[in-house]
N, C-alpha and C. Protein backbone atom coordinates (compact mmCIF):
# COMPACT_ATOMS: atom_id res chain seq x y z
N MET A 1 -79.56 -40.48 23.24
CA MET A 1 -78.96 -39.78 22.12
C MET A 1 -78.33 -40.80 21.19
N GLN A 2 -78.04 -40.32 19.97
CA GLN A 2 -77.40 -41.21 19.02
C GLN A 2 -76.37 -40.47 18.18
N ILE A 3 -75.46 -41.24 17.61
CA ILE A 3 -74.45 -40.70 16.72
C ILE A 3 -75.13 -40.47 15.37
N ILE A 4 -74.90 -39.29 14.78
CA ILE A 4 -75.69 -38.92 13.61
C ILE A 4 -75.03 -39.19 12.25
N ALA A 5 -73.72 -39.43 12.22
CA ALA A 5 -73.08 -39.70 10.92
C ALA A 5 -71.82 -40.52 11.12
N GLY A 6 -71.31 -41.05 10.02
CA GLY A 6 -70.05 -41.79 10.05
C GLY A 6 -70.22 -43.27 10.31
N LYS A 7 -69.11 -43.91 10.66
CA LYS A 7 -69.09 -45.37 10.81
C LYS A 7 -69.94 -45.87 11.97
N LEU A 8 -70.23 -45.01 12.96
CA LEU A 8 -71.03 -45.41 14.11
C LEU A 8 -72.46 -44.85 14.05
N LYS A 9 -72.84 -44.34 12.89
CA LYS A 9 -74.15 -43.72 12.72
C LYS A 9 -75.26 -44.62 13.26
N GLY A 10 -76.14 -44.01 14.07
CA GLY A 10 -77.28 -44.73 14.62
C GLY A 10 -77.02 -45.37 15.97
N GLN A 11 -75.75 -45.50 16.37
CA GLN A 11 -75.44 -46.07 17.69
C GLN A 11 -75.96 -45.12 18.76
N THR A 12 -76.54 -45.67 19.80
CA THR A 12 -77.10 -44.84 20.87
C THR A 12 -76.18 -44.84 22.08
N PHE A 13 -76.32 -43.79 22.90
CA PHE A 13 -75.55 -43.69 24.12
C PHE A 13 -76.36 -42.91 25.14
N ASN A 14 -75.95 -43.04 26.40
CA ASN A 14 -76.67 -42.40 27.52
C ASN A 14 -76.14 -41.01 27.78
N THR A 15 -76.97 -40.18 28.42
CA THR A 15 -76.58 -38.83 28.80
C THR A 15 -76.79 -38.65 30.31
N PRO A 16 -76.02 -37.77 30.92
CA PRO A 16 -76.22 -37.52 32.35
C PRO A 16 -77.59 -36.91 32.62
N LYS A 17 -78.16 -37.26 33.75
CA LYS A 17 -79.44 -36.68 34.16
C LYS A 17 -79.19 -35.33 34.82
N GLY A 18 -80.20 -34.49 34.83
CA GLY A 18 -80.09 -33.19 35.50
C GLY A 18 -79.77 -32.08 34.53
N HIS A 19 -79.39 -30.94 35.09
CA HIS A 19 -79.19 -29.73 34.30
C HIS A 19 -77.74 -29.28 34.22
N LYS A 20 -76.80 -30.08 34.73
CA LYS A 20 -75.40 -29.67 34.70
C LYS A 20 -74.84 -29.71 33.29
N THR A 21 -75.35 -30.61 32.47
CA THR A 21 -74.91 -30.69 31.08
C THR A 21 -76.06 -30.27 30.19
N HIS A 22 -75.73 -29.80 29.02
CA HIS A 22 -76.75 -29.43 28.03
C HIS A 22 -76.38 -30.11 26.72
N PRO A 23 -76.96 -31.26 26.44
CA PRO A 23 -76.59 -31.97 25.22
C PRO A 23 -76.81 -31.09 23.98
N MET A 24 -75.81 -31.09 23.12
CA MET A 24 -75.90 -30.33 21.87
C MET A 24 -76.89 -31.02 20.95
N SER A 25 -77.78 -30.25 20.35
CA SER A 25 -78.79 -30.82 19.46
C SER A 25 -78.13 -31.43 18.22
N ASP A 26 -78.82 -32.37 17.60
CA ASP A 26 -78.31 -32.99 16.38
C ASP A 26 -78.07 -31.95 15.29
N ARG A 27 -78.93 -30.96 15.21
CA ARG A 27 -78.79 -29.91 14.20
C ARG A 27 -77.48 -29.15 14.38
N ILE A 28 -77.16 -28.80 15.63
CA ILE A 28 -75.92 -28.06 15.89
C ILE A 28 -74.71 -28.97 15.69
N LYS A 29 -74.79 -30.22 16.18
CA LYS A 29 -73.68 -31.16 15.97
C LYS A 29 -73.39 -31.34 14.49
N ASN A 30 -74.45 -31.51 13.71
CA ASN A 30 -74.28 -31.70 12.27
C ASN A 30 -73.64 -30.46 11.65
N GLY A 31 -74.11 -29.27 12.05
CA GLY A 31 -73.53 -28.03 11.55
C GLY A 31 -72.06 -27.90 11.94
N LEU A 32 -71.73 -28.26 13.17
CA LEU A 32 -70.36 -28.22 13.65
C LEU A 32 -69.45 -29.08 12.78
N PHE A 33 -69.81 -30.36 12.62
CA PHE A 33 -68.94 -31.27 11.89
C PHE A 33 -68.95 -31.01 10.39
N ASN A 34 -70.06 -30.56 9.84
CA ASN A 34 -70.07 -30.18 8.43
C ASN A 34 -69.16 -28.98 8.19
N SER A 35 -69.14 -28.03 9.11
CA SER A 35 -68.27 -26.86 8.99
C SER A 35 -66.79 -27.26 9.08
N LEU A 36 -66.49 -28.24 9.91
CA LEU A 36 -65.11 -28.70 10.05
C LEU A 36 -64.62 -29.44 8.82
N GLY A 37 -65.51 -30.15 8.14
CA GLY A 37 -65.09 -30.94 6.99
C GLY A 37 -64.41 -32.23 7.42
N ASP A 38 -63.41 -32.63 6.67
CA ASP A 38 -62.72 -33.89 6.91
C ASP A 38 -61.87 -33.82 8.19
N ILE A 39 -62.19 -34.64 9.15
CA ILE A 39 -61.40 -34.68 10.40
C ILE A 39 -60.66 -36.02 10.55
N THR A 40 -60.53 -36.73 9.44
CA THR A 40 -59.84 -38.02 9.45
C THR A 40 -58.44 -37.88 10.02
N LYS A 41 -58.12 -38.77 10.93
CA LYS A 41 -56.80 -38.90 11.56
C LYS A 41 -56.41 -37.72 12.46
N LEU A 42 -57.37 -36.89 12.86
CA LEU A 42 -57.06 -35.80 13.77
C LEU A 42 -57.10 -36.28 15.22
N ASN A 43 -56.27 -35.66 16.05
CA ASN A 43 -56.30 -35.88 17.49
C ASN A 43 -57.15 -34.77 18.10
N VAL A 44 -58.14 -35.16 18.90
CA VAL A 44 -59.17 -34.24 19.36
C VAL A 44 -59.19 -34.20 20.89
N LEU A 45 -59.41 -32.99 21.42
CA LEU A 45 -59.66 -32.80 22.84
C LEU A 45 -61.10 -32.35 22.98
N ASP A 46 -61.89 -33.09 23.75
CA ASP A 46 -63.27 -32.71 24.08
C ASP A 46 -63.21 -32.16 25.50
N ALA A 47 -63.14 -30.81 25.60
CA ALA A 47 -62.77 -30.15 26.85
C ALA A 47 -63.84 -30.14 27.93
N PHE A 48 -65.09 -30.21 27.58
CA PHE A 48 -66.19 -30.28 28.55
C PHE A 48 -67.12 -31.36 28.02
N ALA A 49 -66.75 -32.61 28.21
CA ALA A 49 -67.32 -33.71 27.45
C ALA A 49 -68.78 -34.04 27.74
N GLY A 50 -69.28 -33.79 28.95
CA GLY A 50 -70.70 -34.06 29.23
C GLY A 50 -71.06 -35.52 29.10
N SER A 51 -71.70 -35.89 28.01
CA SER A 51 -72.06 -37.29 27.74
C SER A 51 -71.03 -37.97 26.85
N GLY A 52 -70.14 -37.18 26.26
CA GLY A 52 -69.19 -37.72 25.29
C GLY A 52 -69.70 -37.62 23.87
N ALA A 53 -70.84 -36.99 23.66
CA ALA A 53 -71.47 -36.93 22.33
C ALA A 53 -70.52 -36.41 21.25
N LEU A 54 -69.80 -35.33 21.54
CA LEU A 54 -68.89 -34.78 20.52
C LEU A 54 -67.70 -35.70 20.30
N SER A 55 -67.24 -36.35 21.35
CA SER A 55 -66.15 -37.32 21.22
C SER A 55 -66.55 -38.46 20.29
N PHE A 56 -67.73 -39.01 20.53
CA PHE A 56 -68.19 -40.16 19.75
C PHE A 56 -68.46 -39.76 18.30
N GLU A 57 -69.00 -38.58 18.10
CA GLU A 57 -69.26 -38.09 16.74
C GLU A 57 -67.94 -37.90 15.99
N ALA A 58 -66.94 -37.37 16.69
CA ALA A 58 -65.63 -37.16 16.07
C ALA A 58 -65.00 -38.50 15.65
N ILE A 59 -65.03 -39.48 16.53
CA ILE A 59 -64.48 -40.81 16.19
C ILE A 59 -65.27 -41.42 15.04
N SER A 60 -66.58 -41.31 15.08
CA SER A 60 -67.41 -41.86 14.02
C SER A 60 -67.07 -41.26 12.66
N ARG A 61 -66.68 -39.99 12.66
CA ARG A 61 -66.37 -39.28 11.42
C ARG A 61 -64.89 -39.36 11.05
N GLY A 62 -64.11 -40.19 11.75
CA GLY A 62 -62.75 -40.46 11.32
C GLY A 62 -61.62 -39.93 12.18
N ALA A 63 -61.91 -39.23 13.27
CA ALA A 63 -60.83 -38.76 14.13
C ALA A 63 -60.01 -39.96 14.63
N LEU A 64 -58.74 -39.75 14.79
CA LEU A 64 -57.84 -40.82 15.23
C LEU A 64 -58.03 -41.14 16.71
N SER A 65 -58.10 -40.09 17.54
CA SER A 65 -58.24 -40.29 18.97
C SER A 65 -58.90 -39.07 19.60
N VAL A 66 -59.47 -39.30 20.80
CA VAL A 66 -60.09 -38.21 21.56
C VAL A 66 -59.73 -38.38 23.03
N ILE A 67 -59.42 -37.27 23.65
CA ILE A 67 -59.35 -37.22 25.11
C ILE A 67 -60.56 -36.43 25.55
N ALA A 68 -61.41 -37.05 26.36
CA ALA A 68 -62.65 -36.44 26.84
C ALA A 68 -62.46 -36.09 28.31
N ILE A 69 -62.66 -34.81 28.64
CA ILE A 69 -62.46 -34.33 30.01
C ILE A 69 -63.78 -33.79 30.55
N ASP A 70 -64.10 -34.18 31.77
CA ASP A 70 -65.22 -33.58 32.48
C ASP A 70 -64.96 -33.72 33.97
N ALA A 71 -65.22 -32.65 34.72
CA ALA A 71 -64.97 -32.66 36.16
C ALA A 71 -66.12 -33.26 36.96
N ASP A 72 -67.29 -33.37 36.34
CA ASP A 72 -68.48 -33.88 37.04
C ASP A 72 -68.43 -35.41 37.11
N TYR A 73 -68.60 -35.96 38.30
CA TYR A 73 -68.51 -37.41 38.47
C TYR A 73 -69.56 -38.16 37.65
N GLN A 74 -70.80 -37.67 37.65
CA GLN A 74 -71.85 -38.34 36.89
C GLN A 74 -71.54 -38.34 35.40
N ALA A 75 -71.09 -37.20 34.88
CA ALA A 75 -70.73 -37.13 33.46
C ALA A 75 -69.58 -38.08 33.15
N PHE A 76 -68.55 -38.06 33.97
CA PHE A 76 -67.40 -38.95 33.79
C PHE A 76 -67.84 -40.42 33.75
N SER A 77 -68.70 -40.83 34.68
CA SER A 77 -69.18 -42.21 34.73
C SER A 77 -69.97 -42.58 33.48
N ILE A 78 -70.82 -41.67 33.04
CA ILE A 78 -71.63 -41.91 31.82
C ILE A 78 -70.72 -42.05 30.61
N ILE A 79 -69.74 -41.16 30.48
CA ILE A 79 -68.82 -41.23 29.33
C ILE A 79 -68.07 -42.56 29.34
N LYS A 80 -67.54 -42.95 30.50
CA LYS A 80 -66.82 -44.23 30.59
C LYS A 80 -67.72 -45.39 30.16
N ASP A 81 -68.96 -45.40 30.65
CA ASP A 81 -69.90 -46.46 30.27
C ASP A 81 -70.18 -46.43 28.77
N ASN A 82 -70.35 -45.24 28.22
CA ASN A 82 -70.62 -45.10 26.79
C ASN A 82 -69.42 -45.56 25.95
N VAL A 83 -68.22 -45.22 26.38
CA VAL A 83 -67.01 -45.65 25.67
C VAL A 83 -66.97 -47.17 25.60
N SER A 84 -67.26 -47.82 26.72
CA SER A 84 -67.28 -49.28 26.77
C SER A 84 -68.38 -49.85 25.87
N LYS A 85 -69.59 -49.30 26.01
CA LYS A 85 -70.73 -49.77 25.22
C LYS A 85 -70.48 -49.65 23.72
N LEU A 86 -69.83 -48.56 23.31
CA LEU A 86 -69.58 -48.31 21.89
C LEU A 86 -68.30 -48.98 21.37
N GLY A 87 -67.54 -49.62 22.27
CA GLY A 87 -66.30 -50.30 21.87
C GLY A 87 -65.20 -49.33 21.46
N LEU A 88 -65.07 -48.22 22.18
CA LEU A 88 -64.12 -47.18 21.79
C LEU A 88 -62.96 -47.01 22.78
N LYS A 89 -62.69 -48.03 23.60
CA LYS A 89 -61.66 -47.91 24.64
C LYS A 89 -60.27 -47.58 24.07
N ASP A 90 -59.98 -48.00 22.85
CA ASP A 90 -58.68 -47.72 22.26
C ASP A 90 -58.59 -46.32 21.67
N GLN A 91 -59.73 -45.69 21.44
CA GLN A 91 -59.73 -44.39 20.76
C GLN A 91 -60.14 -43.22 21.65
N VAL A 92 -60.92 -43.47 22.69
CA VAL A 92 -61.40 -42.39 23.55
C VAL A 92 -60.89 -42.62 24.97
N LYS A 93 -60.09 -41.69 25.46
CA LYS A 93 -59.60 -41.72 26.83
C LYS A 93 -60.39 -40.68 27.63
N VAL A 94 -60.81 -41.05 28.84
CA VAL A 94 -61.68 -40.20 29.64
C VAL A 94 -60.95 -39.80 30.93
N SER A 95 -61.02 -38.52 31.26
CA SER A 95 -60.41 -38.01 32.50
C SER A 95 -61.44 -37.24 33.31
N LYS A 96 -61.51 -37.55 34.62
CA LYS A 96 -62.37 -36.80 35.53
C LYS A 96 -61.47 -35.80 36.24
N VAL A 97 -61.50 -34.57 35.75
CA VAL A 97 -60.61 -33.54 36.28
C VAL A 97 -61.12 -32.18 35.79
N PHE A 98 -60.80 -31.15 36.54
CA PHE A 98 -61.08 -29.80 36.07
C PHE A 98 -60.12 -29.48 34.92
N LEU A 99 -60.62 -28.80 33.92
CA LEU A 99 -59.84 -28.51 32.72
C LEU A 99 -58.52 -27.81 33.05
N LYS A 100 -58.56 -26.82 33.91
CA LYS A 100 -57.35 -26.06 34.25
C LYS A 100 -56.27 -26.99 34.82
N SER A 101 -56.65 -27.92 35.69
CA SER A 101 -55.69 -28.87 36.26
C SER A 101 -55.14 -29.80 35.19
N TRP A 102 -56.03 -30.28 34.33
CA TRP A 102 -55.59 -31.19 33.27
C TRP A 102 -54.59 -30.49 32.36
N LEU A 103 -54.89 -29.26 31.97
CA LEU A 103 -54.00 -28.50 31.09
C LEU A 103 -52.63 -28.29 31.74
N LYS A 104 -52.63 -27.98 33.02
CA LYS A 104 -51.38 -27.74 33.74
C LYS A 104 -50.47 -28.96 33.68
N ASN A 105 -51.07 -30.16 33.70
CA ASN A 105 -50.29 -31.40 33.76
C ASN A 105 -50.09 -32.09 32.42
N ASN A 106 -50.57 -31.49 31.33
CA ASN A 106 -50.49 -32.16 30.03
C ASN A 106 -50.03 -31.22 28.91
N GLN A 107 -49.11 -30.32 29.23
CA GLN A 107 -48.62 -29.36 28.25
C GLN A 107 -47.86 -30.02 27.09
N ASP A 108 -47.44 -31.26 27.27
CA ASP A 108 -46.70 -31.94 26.21
C ASP A 108 -47.62 -32.48 25.11
N LEU A 109 -48.92 -32.57 25.37
CA LEU A 109 -49.86 -33.06 24.37
C LEU A 109 -50.29 -31.91 23.46
N LYS A 110 -50.49 -32.21 22.17
CA LYS A 110 -50.95 -31.20 21.22
C LYS A 110 -52.07 -31.81 20.37
N PHE A 111 -53.08 -31.00 20.12
CA PHE A 111 -54.28 -31.46 19.42
C PHE A 111 -54.50 -30.67 18.13
N ASP A 112 -55.07 -31.37 17.16
CA ASP A 112 -55.45 -30.74 15.89
C ASP A 112 -56.76 -29.98 16.04
N LEU A 113 -57.62 -30.50 16.92
CA LEU A 113 -58.97 -29.97 17.08
C LEU A 113 -59.35 -30.01 18.55
N ILE A 114 -59.88 -28.88 19.05
CA ILE A 114 -60.40 -28.84 20.41
C ILE A 114 -61.87 -28.44 20.34
N LEU A 115 -62.72 -29.24 20.98
CA LEU A 115 -64.14 -28.97 21.06
C LEU A 115 -64.45 -28.54 22.49
N ALA A 116 -65.01 -27.35 22.64
CA ALA A 116 -65.29 -26.80 23.97
C ALA A 116 -66.76 -26.41 24.05
N ASP A 117 -67.53 -27.24 24.72
CA ASP A 117 -68.96 -26.98 24.93
C ASP A 117 -69.20 -26.90 26.44
N PRO A 118 -68.75 -25.78 27.05
CA PRO A 118 -68.84 -25.67 28.52
C PRO A 118 -70.27 -25.54 29.00
N PRO A 119 -70.50 -25.84 30.27
CA PRO A 119 -71.84 -25.60 30.83
C PRO A 119 -72.19 -24.12 30.68
N TYR A 120 -73.37 -23.84 30.15
CA TYR A 120 -73.76 -22.46 29.87
C TYR A 120 -73.88 -21.62 31.14
N HIS A 121 -74.09 -22.27 32.28
CA HIS A 121 -74.18 -21.51 33.53
C HIS A 121 -72.79 -21.15 34.09
N ASP A 122 -71.73 -21.72 33.50
CA ASP A 122 -70.37 -21.47 33.98
C ASP A 122 -69.39 -21.61 32.81
N ILE A 123 -69.35 -20.60 31.94
CA ILE A 123 -68.54 -20.68 30.72
C ILE A 123 -67.05 -20.83 31.04
N ASN A 124 -66.54 -20.22 32.11
CA ASN A 124 -65.17 -20.38 32.56
C ASN A 124 -64.14 -19.98 31.50
N LEU A 125 -64.17 -18.72 31.10
CA LEU A 125 -63.23 -18.22 30.09
C LEU A 125 -61.78 -18.30 30.53
N ASP A 126 -61.52 -18.29 31.84
CA ASP A 126 -60.14 -18.45 32.32
C ASP A 126 -59.54 -19.77 31.83
N SER A 127 -60.30 -20.84 31.97
CA SER A 127 -59.82 -22.14 31.50
C SER A 127 -59.77 -22.20 29.98
N ILE A 128 -60.77 -21.65 29.34
CA ILE A 128 -60.81 -21.67 27.87
C ILE A 128 -59.62 -20.92 27.29
N ASN A 129 -59.21 -19.84 27.95
CA ASN A 129 -58.04 -19.08 27.48
C ASN A 129 -56.73 -19.86 27.60
N LEU A 130 -56.73 -20.96 28.33
CA LEU A 130 -55.54 -21.80 28.44
C LEU A 130 -55.48 -22.88 27.35
N LEU A 131 -56.58 -23.11 26.67
CA LEU A 131 -56.64 -24.18 25.67
C LEU A 131 -55.64 -24.03 24.52
N PRO A 132 -55.32 -22.81 24.06
CA PRO A 132 -54.34 -22.71 22.96
C PRO A 132 -52.98 -23.34 23.28
N SER A 133 -52.66 -23.52 24.55
CA SER A 133 -51.36 -24.12 24.92
C SER A 133 -51.26 -25.57 24.45
N VAL A 134 -52.38 -26.24 24.20
CA VAL A 134 -52.34 -27.63 23.73
C VAL A 134 -52.90 -27.77 22.31
N LEU A 135 -53.04 -26.65 21.62
CA LEU A 135 -53.53 -26.67 20.24
C LEU A 135 -52.37 -26.49 19.28
N LYS A 136 -52.28 -27.36 18.28
CA LYS A 136 -51.22 -27.27 17.28
C LYS A 136 -51.38 -26.00 16.45
N THR A 137 -50.28 -25.53 15.87
CA THR A 137 -50.35 -24.41 14.92
C THR A 137 -51.28 -24.82 13.77
N ASN A 138 -52.17 -23.93 13.39
CA ASN A 138 -53.22 -24.13 12.38
C ASN A 138 -54.36 -24.99 12.89
N GLY A 139 -54.29 -25.42 14.14
CA GLY A 139 -55.37 -26.19 14.73
C GLY A 139 -56.61 -25.34 14.94
N ILE A 140 -57.73 -26.02 15.13
CA ILE A 140 -59.03 -25.36 15.27
C ILE A 140 -59.60 -25.62 16.67
N LEU A 141 -60.13 -24.57 17.28
CA LEU A 141 -60.89 -24.69 18.51
C LEU A 141 -62.32 -24.23 18.19
N VAL A 142 -63.30 -25.04 18.57
CA VAL A 142 -64.70 -24.66 18.40
C VAL A 142 -65.30 -24.49 19.79
N LEU A 143 -65.86 -23.30 20.01
CA LEU A 143 -66.46 -22.96 21.29
C LEU A 143 -67.96 -22.79 21.12
N SER A 144 -68.72 -23.53 21.92
CA SER A 144 -70.18 -23.41 21.94
C SER A 144 -70.58 -22.47 23.06
N LEU A 145 -71.43 -21.50 22.72
CA LEU A 145 -71.85 -20.47 23.67
C LEU A 145 -73.33 -20.16 23.51
N PRO A 146 -73.94 -19.60 24.55
CA PRO A 146 -75.29 -19.07 24.37
C PRO A 146 -75.23 -17.92 23.36
N LYS A 147 -76.26 -17.79 22.56
CA LYS A 147 -76.28 -16.80 21.48
C LYS A 147 -76.10 -15.37 22.00
N GLN A 148 -76.61 -15.07 23.19
CA GLN A 148 -76.56 -13.70 23.69
C GLN A 148 -75.16 -13.24 24.10
N LEU A 149 -74.21 -14.15 24.24
CA LEU A 149 -72.85 -13.74 24.61
C LEU A 149 -72.09 -13.28 23.37
N SER A 150 -71.28 -12.25 23.55
CA SER A 150 -70.45 -11.79 22.43
C SER A 150 -69.27 -12.75 22.27
N THR A 151 -68.71 -12.76 21.08
CA THR A 151 -67.59 -13.64 20.77
C THR A 151 -66.38 -13.25 21.62
N PRO A 152 -65.91 -14.13 22.49
CA PRO A 152 -64.77 -13.77 23.33
C PRO A 152 -63.45 -13.85 22.56
N ASP A 153 -62.53 -12.99 22.95
CA ASP A 153 -61.16 -13.11 22.45
C ASP A 153 -60.49 -14.22 23.23
N ILE A 154 -59.74 -15.05 22.51
CA ILE A 154 -59.01 -16.14 23.15
C ILE A 154 -57.54 -15.99 22.79
N ASN A 155 -56.69 -16.05 23.80
CA ASN A 155 -55.24 -15.89 23.61
C ASN A 155 -54.73 -16.73 22.44
N GLN A 156 -53.91 -16.14 21.61
CA GLN A 156 -53.21 -16.82 20.50
C GLN A 156 -54.11 -17.31 19.37
N LEU A 157 -55.41 -17.04 19.42
CA LEU A 157 -56.32 -17.55 18.40
C LEU A 157 -57.04 -16.40 17.70
N ILE A 158 -57.42 -16.65 16.45
CA ILE A 158 -58.27 -15.70 15.75
C ILE A 158 -59.60 -16.37 15.42
N ALA A 159 -60.67 -15.62 15.59
CA ALA A 159 -62.00 -16.14 15.25
C ALA A 159 -62.12 -16.13 13.72
N ILE A 160 -62.46 -17.29 13.16
CA ILE A 160 -62.55 -17.39 11.70
C ILE A 160 -63.98 -17.61 11.21
N LYS A 161 -64.88 -17.99 12.11
CA LYS A 161 -66.26 -18.26 11.70
C LYS A 161 -67.14 -18.26 12.93
N ASP A 162 -68.38 -17.81 12.75
CA ASP A 162 -69.37 -17.80 13.82
C ASP A 162 -70.68 -18.28 13.21
N LYS A 163 -71.26 -19.31 13.77
CA LYS A 163 -72.52 -19.85 13.24
C LYS A 163 -73.58 -19.79 14.33
N GLN A 164 -74.75 -19.33 13.98
CA GLN A 164 -75.86 -19.17 14.92
C GLN A 164 -76.87 -20.30 14.72
N TYR A 165 -77.36 -20.85 15.83
CA TYR A 165 -78.37 -21.91 15.82
C TYR A 165 -79.36 -21.64 16.93
N GLY A 166 -80.48 -21.01 16.63
CA GLY A 166 -81.48 -20.74 17.66
C GLY A 166 -80.87 -19.92 18.79
N ASP A 167 -80.85 -20.49 20.00
CA ASP A 167 -80.30 -19.76 21.15
C ASP A 167 -78.83 -20.11 21.43
N ALA A 168 -78.17 -20.77 20.47
CA ALA A 168 -76.77 -21.16 20.64
C ALA A 168 -75.93 -20.62 19.47
N GLN A 169 -74.64 -20.56 19.71
CA GLN A 169 -73.71 -20.18 18.65
C GLN A 169 -72.45 -21.03 18.75
N LEU A 170 -71.82 -21.25 17.62
CA LEU A 170 -70.53 -21.92 17.56
C LEU A 170 -69.53 -20.91 17.01
N VAL A 171 -68.43 -20.73 17.73
CA VAL A 171 -67.37 -19.84 17.27
C VAL A 171 -66.15 -20.72 16.95
N PHE A 172 -65.65 -20.59 15.73
CA PHE A 172 -64.51 -21.35 15.26
C PHE A 172 -63.28 -20.46 15.32
N TYR A 173 -62.24 -20.93 15.98
CA TYR A 173 -60.98 -20.18 16.12
C TYR A 173 -59.86 -21.00 15.49
N GLN A 174 -58.83 -20.31 15.05
CA GLN A 174 -57.65 -21.00 14.52
C GLN A 174 -56.40 -20.43 15.18
N LYS A 175 -55.46 -21.33 15.44
CA LYS A 175 -54.16 -20.91 15.99
C LYS A 175 -53.22 -20.68 14.83
N ILE A 176 -52.81 -19.44 14.66
CA ILE A 176 -51.96 -19.08 13.52
C ILE A 176 -50.49 -19.35 13.79
N SER A 177 -50.01 -19.08 15.00
CA SER A 177 -48.60 -19.36 15.28
C SER A 177 -48.42 -19.79 16.72
């Protein structure tokens, strides 16, 4: 895979093998970041990081920092290797942990933007419903889902946009208070 825009455009990175992760297509990634607009100097949480693709795209497009979380050992190892290969050790921090555990231990952190692209075979809405606890007021959460699922309600957030891409959808939420 490669980074599609920004200062790191064209840089390549590795992805985990197997079916546990589903890399987001360039078309969907481009739609996601174009919909977000300027993300310069934002602090980002990549809640189901997989290969780190969304983390790297966010940094390339100007995000200040990213915390990338994935519970899968292979994904965690790939992300760490990619962070090193891309020279992003100062901007991307990687944690191998289940999201619910990470959230429980990091309530003091607050993010401008949360990217949540969970494994489609295990969406885990219980964990996703905890994400608003680390989202700043007016912050945005983007949730990637299979197209056939209805837009879930998420505690403390309102859905502001829904974009369809083939068999996938992106739902944009905002934290109002």
